[in-house]
C-alpha atoms as a PDB file:
ATOM      1  CA  MET A   1      18.457   6.907 -18.099  1.00  0.00           C
ATOM      2  CA  GLY A   2      16.529   4.722 -20.529  1.00  0.00           C
ATOM      3  CA  GLY A   3      15.788   1.141 -21.504  1.00  0.00           C
ATOM      4  CA  ALA A   4      16.846  -1.532 -23.923  1.00  0.00           C
ATOM      5  CA  TYR A   5      15.692  -4.869 -25.377  1.00  0.00           C
ATOM      6  CA  HIS A   6      18.140  -7.575 -26.340  1.00  0.00           C
ATOM      7  CA  LEU A   7      17.035 -10.441 -28.562  1.00  0.00           C
ATOM      8  CA  ILE A   8      18.716 -13.655 -27.413  1.00  0.00           C
ATOM      9  CA  ASN A   9      16.943 -15.823 -29.992  1.00  0.00           C
ATOM     10  CA  ASP A  10      13.529 -16.150 -31.640  1.00  0.00           C
ATOM     11  CA  GLN A  11      11.989 -17.234 -28.335  1.00  0.00           C
ATOM     12  CA  LEU A  12      13.719 -15.116 -25.676  1.00  0.00           C
ATOM     13  CA  ARG A  13      14.141 -11.370 -25.196  1.00  0.00           C
ATOM     14  CA  VAL A  14      15.869  -9.669 -22.267  1.00  0.00           C
ATOM     15  CA  ARG A  15      14.952  -6.121 -21.266  1.00  0.00           C
ATOM     16  CA  ALA A  16      16.230  -3.566 -18.773  1.00  0.00           C
ATOM     17  CA  THR A  17      15.406   0.018 -17.885  1.00  0.00           C
ATOM     18  CA  GLN A  18      16.841   2.606 -15.522  1.00  0.00           C
ATOM     19  CA  SER A  19      15.225   5.972 -14.933  1.00  0.00           C
ATOM     20  CA  GLU A  20      15.300   8.917 -12.584  1.00  0.00           C
ATOM     21  CA  ALA A  21      12.429  11.237 -11.756  1.00  0.00           C
ATOM     22  CA  LEU A  22      11.790  14.384  -9.773  1.00  0.00           C
ATOM     23  CA  ARG A  23       8.380  15.388  -8.425  1.00  0.00           C
ATOM     24  CA  ALA A  24       7.897  18.905  -7.133  1.00  0.00           C
ATOM     25  CA  PRO A  25       5.272  19.429  -4.422  1.00  0.00           C
ATOM     26  CA  ASN A  26       1.893  20.516  -5.741  1.00  0.00           C
ATOM     27  CA  ILE A  27       0.063  23.678  -4.688  1.00  0.00           C
ATOM     28  CA  SER A  28      -1.997  22.066  -1.925  1.00  0.00           C
ATOM     29  CA  GLU A  29       1.076  20.318  -0.485  1.00  0.00           C
ATOM     30  CA  ILE A  30       2.772  23.707  -0.139  1.00  0.00           C
ATOM     31  CA  PHE A  31      -0.021  26.197   0.469  1.00  0.00           C
ATOM     32  CA  GLY A  32      -2.840  24.028   1.850  1.00  0.00           C
ATOM     33  CA  ALA A  33      -4.670  26.118   4.448  1.00  0.00           C
ATOM     34  CA  PRO A  34      -4.793  24.752   8.014  1.00  0.00           C
ATOM     35  CA  SER A  35      -8.015  22.996   8.937  1.00  0.00           C
ATOM     36  CA  GLN A  36      -9.003  21.861  12.405  1.00  0.00           C
ATOM     37  CA  THR A  37      -9.541  18.212  13.249  1.00  0.00           C
ATOM     38  CA  PHE A  38      -9.487  15.941  16.286  1.00  0.00           C
ATOM     39  CA  TYR A  39      -7.545  12.717  16.857  1.00  0.00           C
ATOM     40  CA  SER A  40      -8.081   9.670  19.039  1.00  0.00           C
ATOM     41  CA  VAL A  41      -4.613   8.328  19.820  1.00  0.00           C
ATOM     42  CA  ASP A  42      -2.592   6.243  22.255  1.00  0.00           C
ATOM     43  CA  VAL A  43      -0.088   8.647  23.804  1.00  0.00           C
ATOM     44  CA  PRO A  44       3.267   6.827  23.983  1.00  0.00           C
ATOM     45  CA  CYS A  45       4.590   8.712  27.027  1.00  0.00           C
ATOM     46  CA  LEU A  46       1.828   7.448  29.314  1.00  0.00           C
ATOM     47  CA  ALA A  47       3.247   5.164  32.007  1.00  0.00           C
ATOM     48  CA  ASP A  48       0.975   2.311  30.921  1.00  0.00           C
ATOM     49  CA  ASN A  49       2.110   2.613  27.291  1.00  0.00           C
ATOM     50  CA  LEU A  50       5.760   2.547  28.318  1.00  0.00           C
ATOM     51  CA  ASN A  51       5.171  -0.722  30.102  1.00  0.00           C
ATOM     52  CA  ASP A  52       3.536  -2.242  26.998  1.00  0.00           C
ATOM     53  CA  LEU A  53       6.883  -2.323  25.203  1.00  0.00           C
ATOM     54  CA  GLN A  54       9.405  -5.120  25.579  1.00  0.00           C
ATOM     55  CA  ASN A  55      12.287  -2.688  25.080  1.00  0.00           C
ATOM     56  CA  SER A  56      11.229   0.796  26.097  1.00  0.00           C
ATOM     57  CA  GLU A  57      14.628   2.356  26.869  1.00  0.00           C
ATOM     58  CA  VAL A  58      14.630   4.700  23.851  1.00  0.00           C
ATOM     59  CA  ARG A  59      11.041   5.784  24.423  1.00  0.00           C
ATOM     60  CA  ARG A  60      11.614   6.350  28.160  1.00  0.00           C
ATOM     61  CA  ALA A  61      14.720   8.450  27.478  1.00  0.00           C
ATOM     62  CA  ASN A  62      12.984  10.579  24.847  1.00  0.00           C
ATOM     63  CA  CYS A  63       9.881  11.117  26.963  1.00  0.00           C
ATOM     64  CA  ALA A  64      12.132  12.235  29.810  1.00  0.00           C
ATOM     65  CA  ALA A  65      13.954  14.596  27.427  1.00  0.00           C
ATOM     66  CA  LEU A  66      10.573  16.134  26.585  1.00  0.00           C
ATOM     67  CA  GLY A  67      10.051  16.775  30.283  1.00  0.00           C
ATOM     68  CA  VAL A  68       7.407  14.086  30.757  1.00  0.00           C
ATOM     69  CA  PRO A  69       7.801  12.232  34.081  1.00  0.00           C
ATOM     70  CA  ALA A  70       8.062   8.433  34.050  1.00  0.00           C
ATOM     71  CA  ASP A  71       4.831   8.052  36.048  1.00  0.00           C
ATOM     72  CA  PHE A  72       2.834  10.383  33.790  1.00  0.00           C
ATOM     73  CA  GLU A  73      -0.880   9.536  33.619  1.00  0.00           C
ATOM     74  CA  SER A  74      -3.771  11.204  31.807  1.00  0.00           C
ATOM     75  CA  ASP A  75      -7.295  10.586  30.559  1.00  0.00           C
ATOM     76  CA  TYR A  76      -6.255  10.835  26.893  1.00  0.00           C
ATOM     77  CA  ASP A  77      -8.097   7.610  26.098  1.00  0.00           C
ATOM     78  CA  ALA A  78     -11.404   9.259  27.048  1.00  0.00           C
ATOM     79  CA  GLN A  79     -10.939  12.353  24.868  1.00  0.00           C
ATOM     80  CA  THR A  80      -9.768  13.519  21.480  1.00  0.00           C
ATOM     81  CA  LEU A  81      -6.773  15.739  20.827  1.00  0.00           C
ATOM     82  CA  GLU A  82      -6.939  18.844  18.677  1.00  0.00           C
ATOM     83  CA  GLY A  83      -5.068  18.757  15.399  1.00  0.00           C
ATOM     84  CA  LEU A  84      -4.358  20.964  12.409  1.00  0.00           C
ATOM     85  CA  VAL A  85      -3.963  19.559   8.883  1.00  0.00           C
ATOM     86  CA  SER A  86      -2.073  21.807   6.470  1.00  0.00           C
ATOM     87  CA  GLY A  87       0.448  22.167   3.683  1.00  0.00           C
ATOM     88  CA  ASN A  88       4.079  23.018   4.309  1.00  0.00           C
ATOM     89  CA  ARG A  89       5.977  25.817   2.571  1.00  0.00           C
ATOM     90  CA  ASP A  90       9.293  24.199   3.510  1.00  0.00           C
ATOM     91  CA  VAL A  91       8.580  20.885   1.787  1.00  0.00           C
ATOM     92  CA  LYS A  92      10.934  20.116  -1.100  1.00  0.00           C
ATOM     93  CA  GLY A  93      10.788  17.924  -4.175  1.00  0.00           C
ATOM     94  CA  GLU A  94      11.164  14.161  -4.028  1.00  0.00           C
ATOM     95  CA  GLU A  95      13.562  12.186  -6.217  1.00  0.00           C
ATOM     96  CA  SER A  96      13.323   8.587  -7.335  1.00  0.00           C
ATOM     97  CA  THR A  97      15.438   6.008  -9.111  1.00  0.00           C
ATOM     98  CA  SER A  98      13.785   3.036 -10.795  1.00  0.00           C
ATOM     99  CA  THR A  99      15.423  -0.107 -12.136  1.00  0.00           C
ATOM    100  CA  THR A 100      13.746  -2.973 -14.002  1.00  0.00           C
ATOM    101  CA  ILE A 101      15.364  -6.143 -15.363  1.00  0.00           C
ATOM    102  CA  GLY A 102      13.386  -8.946 -16.962  1.00  0.00           C
ATOM    103  CA  PHE A 103      12.706 -11.236 -19.873  1.00  0.00           C
ATOM    104  CA  VAL A 104       9.972 -12.275 -22.287  1.00  0.00           C
ATOM    105  CA  TYR A 105       9.841 -15.926 -23.315  1.00  0.00           C
ATOM    106  CA  GLN A 106       7.623 -17.258 -26.111  1.00  0.00           C
ATOM    107  CA  PRO A 107       8.355 -20.992 -26.411  1.00  0.00           C
ATOM    108  CA  SER A 108       8.197 -22.418 -29.910  1.00  0.00           C
ATOM    109  CA  PHE A 109       6.830 -25.741 -28.656  1.00  0.00           C
ATOM    110  CA  ILE A 110       3.642 -24.087 -27.252  1.00  0.00           C
ATOM    111  CA  GLU A 111       1.956 -21.842 -29.791  1.00  0.00           C
ATOM    112  CA  ASN A 112       0.502 -18.544 -28.492  1.00  0.00           C
ATOM    113  CA  ALA A 113       2.071 -18.939 -25.046  1.00  0.00           C
ATOM    114  CA  VAL A 114       4.125 -16.207 -23.344  1.00  0.00           C
ATOM    115  CA  VAL A 115       6.001 -15.910 -20.050  1.00  0.00           C
ATOM    116  CA  THR A 116       7.292 -12.590 -18.723  1.00  0.00           C
ATOM    117  CA  VAL A 117       9.223 -11.996 -15.511  1.00  0.00           C
ATOM    118  CA  ASP A 118      10.500  -8.618 -14.323  1.00  0.00           C
ATOM    119  CA  TYR A 119      12.440  -7.665 -11.219  1.00  0.00           C
ATOM    120  CA  TRP A 120      11.943  -4.040 -10.200  1.00  0.00           C
ATOM    121  CA  LYS A 121      13.340  -1.737  -7.549  1.00  0.00           C
ATOM    122  CA  ILE A 122      12.285   1.820  -6.711  1.00  0.00           C
ATOM    123  CA  GLU A 123      14.222   4.105  -4.384  1.00  0.00           C
ATOM    124  CA  LEU A 124      12.619   7.369  -3.286  1.00  0.00           C
ATOM    125  CA  GLU A 125      14.365  10.164  -1.409  1.00  0.00           C
ATOM    126  CA  ASP A 126      12.612  12.973   0.504  1.00  0.00           C
ATOM    127  CA  ALA A 127       9.224  11.376  -0.181  1.00  0.00           C
ATOM    128  CA  ILE A 128       6.369  13.899   0.063  1.00  0.00           C
ATOM    129  CA  SER A 129       3.586  12.582   2.232  1.00  0.00           C
ATOM    130  CA  THR A 130       1.434  13.039   5.306  1.00  0.00           C
ATOM    131  CA  ILE A 131       1.446  10.462   8.074  1.00  0.00           C
ATOM    132  CA  GLY A 132      -1.097   9.493  10.684  1.00  0.00           C
ATOM    133  CA  SER A 133      -1.335  11.252  14.036  1.00  0.00           C
ATOM    134  CA  GLN A 134      -0.361   8.064  15.866  1.00  0.00           C
ATOM    135  CA  ASP A 135       2.775   7.731  13.736  1.00  0.00           C
ATOM    136  CA  ILE A 136       3.717  11.330  14.537  1.00  0.00           C
ATOM    137  CA  LEU A 137       3.580  10.611  18.266  1.00  0.00           C
ATOM    138  CA  ASP A 138       5.390   7.276  18.025  1.00  0.00           C
ATOM    139  CA  ARG A 139       8.160   8.459  15.696  1.00  0.00           C
ATOM    140  CA  CYS A 140       8.836  11.446  17.923  1.00  0.00           C
ATOM    141  CA  VAL A 141       9.654   9.398  21.021  1.00  0.00           C
ATOM    142  CA  ASP A 142      10.881   6.176  19.386  1.00  0.00           C
ATOM    143  CA  ALA A 143      13.653   7.897  17.409  1.00  0.00           C
ATOM    144  CA  GLU A 144      17.051   6.512  18.365  1.00  0.00           C
ATOM    145  CA  GLY A 145      18.615   9.883  17.535  1.00  0.00           C
ATOM    146  CA  GLY A 146      16.646  11.724  20.210  1.00  0.00           C
ATOM    147  CA  ILE A 147      13.850  14.269  20.165  1.00  0.00           C
ATOM    148  CA  ASN A 148      15.433  16.751  17.737  1.00  0.00           C
ATOM    149  CA  ASN A 149      13.418  15.459  14.784  1.00  0.00           C
ATOM    150  CA  GLN A 150      10.676  16.784  12.543  1.00  0.00           C
ATOM    151  CA  TYR A 151       7.969  14.718  14.245  1.00  0.00           C
ATOM    152  CA  CYS A 152       8.525  16.136  17.728  1.00  0.00           C
ATOM    153  CA  ASN A 153       8.331  19.595  16.154  1.00  0.00           C
ATOM    154  CA  LEU A 154       4.708  18.855  15.208  1.00  0.00           C
ATOM    155  CA  ILE A 155       3.594  18.278  18.811  1.00  0.00           C
ATOM    156  CA  THR A 156       2.696  21.044  21.283  1.00  0.00           C
ATOM    157  CA  ARG A 157       2.613  20.284  25.012  1.00  0.00           C
ATOM    158  CA  ASP A 158       1.532  22.210  28.054  1.00  0.00           C
ATOM    159  CA  SER A 159       4.746  22.903  29.964  1.00  0.00           C
ATOM    160  CA  SER A 160       3.192  22.431  33.395  1.00  0.00           C
ATOM    161  CA  SER A 161       0.759  19.540  32.919  1.00  0.00           C
ATOM    162  CA  HIS A 162       2.787  17.808  30.141  1.00  0.00           C
ATOM    163  CA  GLU A 163      -0.500  17.246  28.287  1.00  0.00           C
ATOM    164  CA  ILE A 164      -0.478  17.330  24.471  1.00  0.00           C
ATOM    165  CA  THR A 165      -2.518  20.337  23.344  1.00  0.00           C
ATOM    166  CA  LEU A 166      -2.029  20.200  19.547  1.00  0.00           C
ATOM    167  CA  ILE A 167      -0.820  17.846  16.810  1.00  0.00           C
ATOM    168  CA  GLN A 168       0.232  19.691  13.647  1.00  0.00           C
ATOM    169  CA  ASN A 169      -0.239  17.215  10.786  1.00  0.00           C
ATOM    170  CA  SER A 170       1.427  18.984   7.881  1.00  0.00           C
ATOM    171  CA  VAL A 171       2.897  17.670   4.653  1.00  0.00           C
ATOM    172  CA  LEU A 172       6.447  16.409   5.208  1.00  0.00           C
ATOM    173  CA  ASN A 173       9.439  14.998   3.442  1.00  0.00           C
ATOM    174  CA  VAL A 174       9.220  11.690   5.273  1.00  0.00           C
ATOM    175  CA  SER A 175      12.762  10.734   4.323  1.00  0.00           C
ATOM    176  CA  GLY A 176      13.223   7.682   2.120  1.00  0.00           C
ATOM    177  CA  GLN A 177      11.209   4.810   0.758  1.00  0.00           C
ATOM    178  CA  GLU A 178      12.347   1.628  -0.969  1.00  0.00           C
ATOM    179  CA  ALA A 179      10.281  -0.984  -2.730  1.00  0.00           C
ATOM    180  CA  SER A 180      11.242  -4.002  -4.782  1.00  0.00           C
ATOM    181  CA  GLY A 181       9.491  -7.031  -6.156  1.00  0.00           C
ATOM    182  CA  VAL A 182       8.954  -9.401  -9.030  1.00  0.00           C
ATOM    183  CA  ASP A 183       6.133  -9.110 -11.569  1.00  0.00           C
ATOM    184  CA  PHE A 184       5.210 -12.098 -13.701  1.00  0.00           C
ATOM    185  CA  GLU A 185       2.706 -12.925 -16.416  1.00  0.00           C
ATOM    186  CA  LEU A 186       1.718 -16.244 -17.935  1.00  0.00           C
ATOM    187  CA  GLY A 187      -0.449 -16.124 -21.040  1.00  0.00           C
ATOM    188  CA  TYR A 188      -1.845 -18.811 -23.280  1.00  0.00           C
ATOM    189  CA  ASP A 189      -4.370 -18.501 -26.106  1.00  0.00           C
ATOM    190  CA  PHE A 190      -5.842 -21.558 -27.803  1.00  0.00           C
ATOM    191  CA  ASP A 191      -8.769 -22.723 -29.898  1.00  0.00           C
ATOM    192  CA  ALA A 192     -11.339 -25.095 -28.415  1.00  0.00           C
ATOM    193  CA  LEU A 193     -15.118 -25.715 -28.399  1.00  0.00           C
ATOM    194  CA  GLU A 194     -15.339 -24.063 -31.829  1.00  0.00           C
ATOM    195  CA  GLY A 195     -14.147 -20.784 -30.345  1.00  0.00           C
ATOM    196  CA  ASN A 196     -11.096 -19.085 -28.881  1.00  0.00           C
ATOM    197  CA  PHE A 197      -9.885 -19.153 -25.267  1.00  0.00           C
ATOM    198  CA  SER A 198      -7.580 -16.493 -23.823  1.00  0.00           C
ATOM    199  CA  THR A 199      -5.965 -16.998 -20.405  1.00  0.00           C
ATOM    200  CA  ARG A 200      -3.772 -14.639 -18.378  1.00  0.00           C
ATOM    201  CA  LEU A 201      -2.203 -14.998 -14.939  1.00  0.00           C
ATOM    202  CA  ILE A 202      -0.622 -11.758 -13.734  1.00  0.00           C
ATOM    203  CA  GLY A 203       1.000 -11.522 -10.318  1.00  0.00           C
ATOM    204  CA  THR A 204       3.426  -9.672  -8.071  1.00  0.00           C
ATOM    205  CA  TYR A 205       5.682 -10.800  -5.280  1.00  0.00           C
ATOM    206  CA  LEU A 206       6.585  -7.871  -3.035  1.00  0.00           C
ATOM    207  CA  ILE A 207      10.096  -8.331  -1.655  1.00  0.00           C
ATOM    208  CA  GLU A 208      10.338  -5.149   0.390  1.00  0.00           C
ATOM    209  CA  ARG A 209       8.386  -1.973   1.067  1.00  0.00           C
ATOM    210  CA  LYS A 210      10.441   0.111   3.475  1.00  0.00           C
ATOM    211  CA  THR A 211       9.930   3.590   4.855  1.00  0.00           C
ATOM    212  CA  PHE A 212      12.844   5.377   6.493  1.00  0.00           C
ATOM    213  CA  PRO A 213      11.415   8.008   8.853  1.00  0.00           C
ATOM    214  CA  PHE A 214      14.811   9.617   9.571  1.00  0.00           C
ATOM    215  CA  GLN A 215      17.134  10.607   6.738  1.00  0.00           C
ATOM    216  CA  ASP A 216      20.278  10.287   8.852  1.00  0.00           C
ATOM    217  CA  GLN A 217      19.383   6.865  10.309  1.00  0.00           C
ATOM    218  CA  PRO A 218      19.338   4.338   7.431  1.00  0.00           C
ATOM    219  CA  SER A 219      19.139   1.399   9.832  1.00  0.00           C
ATOM    220  CA  ASP A 220      15.883   2.712  11.345  1.00  0.00           C
ATOM    221  CA  TYR A 221      12.992   1.801   9.057  1.00  0.00           C
ATOM    222  CA  TYR A 222       9.502   0.344   8.942  1.00  0.00           C
ATOM    223  CA  GLU A 223       8.953  -2.728   6.754  1.00  0.00           C
ATOM    224  CA  TYR A 224       5.427  -2.724   5.330  1.00  0.00           C
ATOM    225  CA  ALA A 225       5.707  -5.712   2.979  1.00  0.00           C
ATOM    226  CA  GLY A 226       3.156  -8.230   4.179  1.00  0.00           C
ATOM    227  CA  THR A 227       0.971  -5.682   6.004  1.00  0.00           C
ATOM    228  CA  THR A 228      -2.466  -4.283   5.137  1.00  0.00           C
ATOM    229  CA  GLY A 229      -2.465  -2.842   1.612  1.00  0.00           C
ATOM    230  CA  GLU A 230       0.977  -4.316   0.885  1.00  0.00           C
ATOM    231  CA  ALA A 231       0.364  -8.063   0.509  1.00  0.00           C
ATOM    232  CA  LYS A 232       3.490 -10.007  -0.409  1.00  0.00           C
ATOM    233  CA  TRP A 233       1.622 -12.058  -3.020  1.00  0.00           C
ATOM    234  CA  GLN A 234      -1.052 -10.627  -5.326  1.00  0.00           C
ATOM    235  CA  ALA A 235      -2.385 -12.201  -8.495  1.00  0.00           C
ATOM    236  CA  ASN A 236      -5.146 -11.915 -11.090  1.00  0.00           C
ATOM    237  CA  LEU A 237      -6.357 -14.818 -13.225  1.00  0.00           C
ATOM    238  CA  SER A 238      -8.448 -14.029 -16.309  1.00  0.00           C
ATOM    239  CA  ILE A 239     -10.110 -16.586 -18.597  1.00  0.00           C
ATOM    240  CA  SER A 240     -12.194 -15.521 -21.580  1.00  0.00           C
ATOM    241  CA  TYR A 241     -13.971 -17.367 -24.381  1.00  0.00           C
ATOM    242  CA  LYS A 242     -15.269 -16.014 -27.703  1.00  0.00           C
ATOM    243  CA  ARG A 243     -17.261 -17.686 -30.449  1.00  0.00           C
ATOM    244  CA  ASP A 244     -18.704 -15.539 -33.211  1.00  0.00           C
ATOM    245  CA  GLY A 245     -20.625 -12.818 -31.321  1.00  0.00           C
ATOM    246  CA  PHE A 246     -20.826 -14.735 -28.055  1.00  0.00           C
ATOM    247  CA  PHE A 247     -18.343 -14.011 -25.269  1.00  0.00           C
ATOM    248  CA  THR A 248     -17.834 -14.807 -21.592  1.00  0.00           C
ATOM    249  CA  THR A 249     -15.151 -13.994 -19.026  1.00  0.00           C
ATOM    250  CA  PHE A 250     -14.184 -15.166 -15.560  1.00  0.00           C
ATOM    251  CA  ASP A 251     -11.730 -13.150 -13.447  1.00  0.00           C
ATOM    252  CA  THR A 252     -10.301 -14.010 -10.036  1.00  0.00           C
ATOM    253  CA  ARG A 253      -8.228 -11.750  -7.793  1.00  0.00           C
ATOM    254  CA  TYR A 254      -6.017 -13.129  -5.009  1.00  0.00           C
ATOM    255  CA  LEU A 255      -4.509 -11.318  -2.010  1.00  0.00           C
ATOM    256  CA  ASP A 256      -2.180 -13.080   0.389  1.00  0.00           C
ATOM    257  CA  GLU A 257      -2.723 -12.980   4.145  1.00  0.00           C
ATOM    258  CA  VAL A 258      -1.482  -9.723   5.678  1.00  0.00           C
ATOM    259  CA  SER A 259      -0.488  -8.617   9.157  1.00  0.00           C
ATOM    260  CA  LEU A 260      -2.144  -5.633  10.797  1.00  0.00           C
ATOM    261  CA  TYR A 261       1.185  -4.701  12.389  1.00  0.00           C
ATOM    262  CA  THR A 262       4.722  -4.226  11.115  1.00  0.00           C
ATOM    263  CA  ASP A 263       7.583  -6.375  12.379  1.00  0.00           C
ATOM    264  CA  GLN A 264       8.872  -3.354  14.295  1.00  0.00           C
ATOM    265  CA  GLU A 265       5.542  -2.884  16.069  1.00  0.00           C
ATOM    266  CA  LEU A 266       5.398  -6.572  16.956  1.00  0.00           C
ATOM    267  CA  ALA A 267       8.954  -6.439  18.301  1.00  0.00           C
ATOM    268  CA  ASP A 268       7.864  -3.698  20.708  1.00  0.00           C
ATOM    269  CA  ASN A 269       4.577  -5.364  21.599  1.00  0.00           C
ATOM    270  CA  PRO A 270       4.190  -9.005  20.443  1.00  0.00           C
ATOM    271  CA  ASN A 271       0.499  -9.206  21.327  1.00  0.00           C
ATOM    272  CA  PRO A 272      -1.123  -5.803  20.708  1.00  0.00           C
ATOM    273  CA  ASN A 273      -4.569  -7.124  19.763  1.00  0.00           C
ATOM    274  CA  SER A 274      -6.686 -10.266  19.529  1.00  0.00           C
ATOM    275  CA  LEU A 275      -7.009  -9.553  15.786  1.00  0.00           C
ATOM    276  CA  MET A 276      -3.561  -9.784  14.208  1.00  0.00           C
ATOM    277  CA  THR A 277      -4.136 -10.542  10.517  1.00  0.00           C
ATOM    278  CA  PHE A 278      -6.509 -10.367   7.579  1.00  0.00           C
ATOM    279  CA  GLY A 279      -6.660 -13.825   6.001  1.00  0.00           C
ATOM    280  CA  THR A 280      -6.130 -14.870   2.400  1.00  0.00           C
ATOM    281  CA  TYR A 281      -8.689 -13.155   0.172  1.00  0.00           C
ATOM    282  CA  VAL A 282     -10.062 -14.427  -3.145  1.00  0.00           C
ATOM    283  CA  ILE A 283     -12.807 -12.688  -5.140  1.00  0.00           C
ATOM    284  CA  SER A 284     -14.234 -13.561  -8.580  1.00  0.00           C
ATOM    285  CA  ASP A 285     -16.226 -11.730 -11.273  1.00  0.00           C
ATOM    286  CA  ALA A 286     -18.000 -13.164 -14.320  1.00  0.00           C
ATOM    287  CA  THR A 287     -19.626 -11.812 -17.491  1.00  0.00           C
ATOM    288  CA  ILE A 288     -21.563 -13.256 -20.412  1.00  0.00           C
ATOM    289  CA  GLY A 289     -22.853 -11.487 -23.480  1.00  0.00           C
ATOM    290  CA  TYR A 290     -23.464 -11.311 -27.207  1.00  0.00           C
ATOM    291  CA  ASN A 291     -22.577  -8.779 -29.904  1.00  0.00           C
ATOM    292  CA  PHE A 292     -25.060  -8.879 -32.794  1.00  0.00           C
ATOM    293  CA  GLU A 293     -24.136  -8.121 -36.406  1.00  0.00           C
ATOM    294  CA  ASN A 294     -26.403  -5.043 -36.443  1.00  0.00           C
ATOM    295  CA  GLY A 295     -24.211  -3.351 -33.780  1.00  0.00           C
ATOM    296  CA  PHE A 296     -26.438  -4.104 -30.814  1.00  0.00           C
ATOM    297  CA  GLY A 297     -24.753  -5.731 -27.803  1.00  0.00           C
ATOM    298  CA  VAL A 298     -25.878  -7.107 -24.466  1.00  0.00           C
ATOM    299  CA  LYS A 299     -23.728  -7.973 -21.480  1.00  0.00           C
ATOM    300  CA  LEU A 300     -24.683  -9.476 -18.114  1.00  0.00           C
ATOM    301  CA  GLY A 301     -22.138  -9.366 -15.317  1.00  0.00           C
ATOM    302  CA  VAL A 302     -21.841 -10.363 -11.677  1.00  0.00           C
ATOM    303  CA  ASP A 303     -19.059  -8.942  -9.502  1.00  0.00           C
ATOM    304  CA  ASN A 304     -18.008 -10.867  -6.395  1.00  0.00           C
ATOM    305  CA  ILE A 305     -20.022 -13.792  -7.707  1.00  0.00           C
ATOM    306  CA  PHE A 306     -19.457 -15.933  -4.583  1.00  0.00           C
ATOM    307  CA  ASN A 307     -20.378 -13.024  -2.278  1.00  0.00           C
ATOM    308  CA  ARG A 308     -17.014 -13.036  -0.511  1.00  0.00           C
ATOM    309  CA  LYS A 309     -17.287 -11.177   2.788  1.00  0.00           C
ATOM    310  CA  LEU A 310     -14.849  -8.578   4.063  1.00  0.00           C
ATOM    311  CA  PRO A 311     -12.117  -9.794   6.405  1.00  0.00           C
ATOM    312  CA  TYR A 312     -13.294  -9.477   9.975  1.00  0.00           C
ATOM    313  CA  GLY A 313     -12.350  -6.139  11.474  1.00  0.00           C
ATOM    314  CA  THR A 314     -12.376  -3.932   8.364  1.00  0.00           C
ATOM    315  CA  LEU A 315     -14.959  -1.828   6.523  1.00  0.00           C
ATOM    316  CA  GLY A 316     -13.063  -1.988   3.228  1.00  0.00           C
ATOM    317  CA  THR A 317     -12.212   1.720   3.222  1.00  0.00           C
ATOM    318  CA  GLY A 318      -8.939   3.578   3.597  1.00  0.00           C
ATOM    319  CA  SER A 319      -5.593   3.274   1.851  1.00  0.00           C
ATOM    320  CA  GLY A 320      -4.986  -0.308   2.988  1.00  0.00           C
ATOM    321  CA  SER A 321      -8.306  -2.030   3.513  1.00  0.00           C
ATOM    322  CA  ALA A 322      -9.744  -0.572   0.285  1.00  0.00           C
ATOM    323  CA  SER A 323      -8.092  -3.584  -1.371  1.00  0.00           C
ATOM    324  CA  TYR A 324     -11.115  -5.570  -0.198  1.00  0.00           C
ATOM    325  CA  ASP A 325     -14.608  -5.426  -1.695  1.00  0.00           C
ATOM    326  CA  ASN A 326     -17.170  -3.827   0.642  1.00  0.00           C
ATOM    327  CA  ILE A 327     -20.205  -4.083  -1.649  1.00  0.00           C
ATOM    328  CA  GLY A 328     -20.747  -7.837  -1.851  1.00  0.00           C
ATOM    329  CA  ARG A 329     -22.317  -9.640  -4.799  1.00  0.00           C
ATOM    330  CA  PHE A 330     -23.306  -7.104  -7.455  1.00  0.00           C
ATOM    331  CA  GLY A 331     -25.054  -7.743 -10.749  1.00  0.00           C
ATOM    332  CA  TYR A 332     -25.530  -5.487 -13.759  1.00  0.00           C
ATOM    333  CA  LEU A 333     -26.924  -5.514 -17.296  1.00  0.00           C
ATOM    334  CA  ARG A 334     -25.332  -3.419 -20.025  1.00  0.00           C
ATOM    335  CA  LEU A 335     -26.852  -2.658 -23.431  1.00  0.00           C
ATOM    336  CA  SER A 336     -24.798  -1.062 -26.171  1.00  0.00           C
ATOM    337  CA  TYR A 337     -25.083  -0.063 -29.814  1.00  0.00           C
ATOM    338  CA  ASP A 338     -22.297   0.764 -32.261  1.00  0.00           C
ATOM    339  CA  PHE A 339     -23.359   3.217 -34.972  1.00  0.00           C
END
């Protein structure tokens, strides 16, 4: 456990770190009191939902094992299902292993330039999390190992009507997670226009972002890289200029196009919706200001200067779509004074 730098020469350094961590569940994850809620879901054991899948053999077998007939129909789509959200006294700590290998290059032939590249990989076991009600239903009946899993244990059914009467959404150890990618940074500072420019390009390429819902089935996983909230390419470009007390900045954030569905979901149903992706997203902010010698400063800024709209189909809220700006163009004036 630890890290090290190795100086190759005056221009190049290589670095590597390896670490392990343990996170115990917090109080609310263990003792969180149950609270009632209601869910709108697509019940996978409905006859129509079975027919939506290209390969529904596993789901059909598991639904049958739960006692649900193959021609089961219901008006679930017109109602909401009762749920309980709570902690879980049986949840245990999660463990992670992190590895990073990279280099820092400062070429002698370009003054004040720097290039850094780092490969990273994170492996998480017994990840502590809650999952959506739809995922609970799907993972219960889509498990290749059968219905004896922690997700089916969260679902209560009426034995005679086969209707779902309760979804218990408690904190779980959702098995494993793996993520890996490459971070890079290009920086270059130079003098021009009687002042100083500073430029930075920082980005990430996400190689994988896997969740393994079943600890004993390492080949059964969901790949989230390239889906909402997990864009494969992300980058930030920052350009700033200073001259005496005057300063200005221009920042641009880039998100690659993302799919609204995982590869596994598309394999089951290649055409689940008319809206399949959120397109490439670029948003820019700008500031300009002056710091006077007497300590007084003024700064004018505009966020989302080109008034970039949200991708169609999202409100810009939630763990994934919160990556997008839902305010629009926003201006502000800031006055400051240093005593």
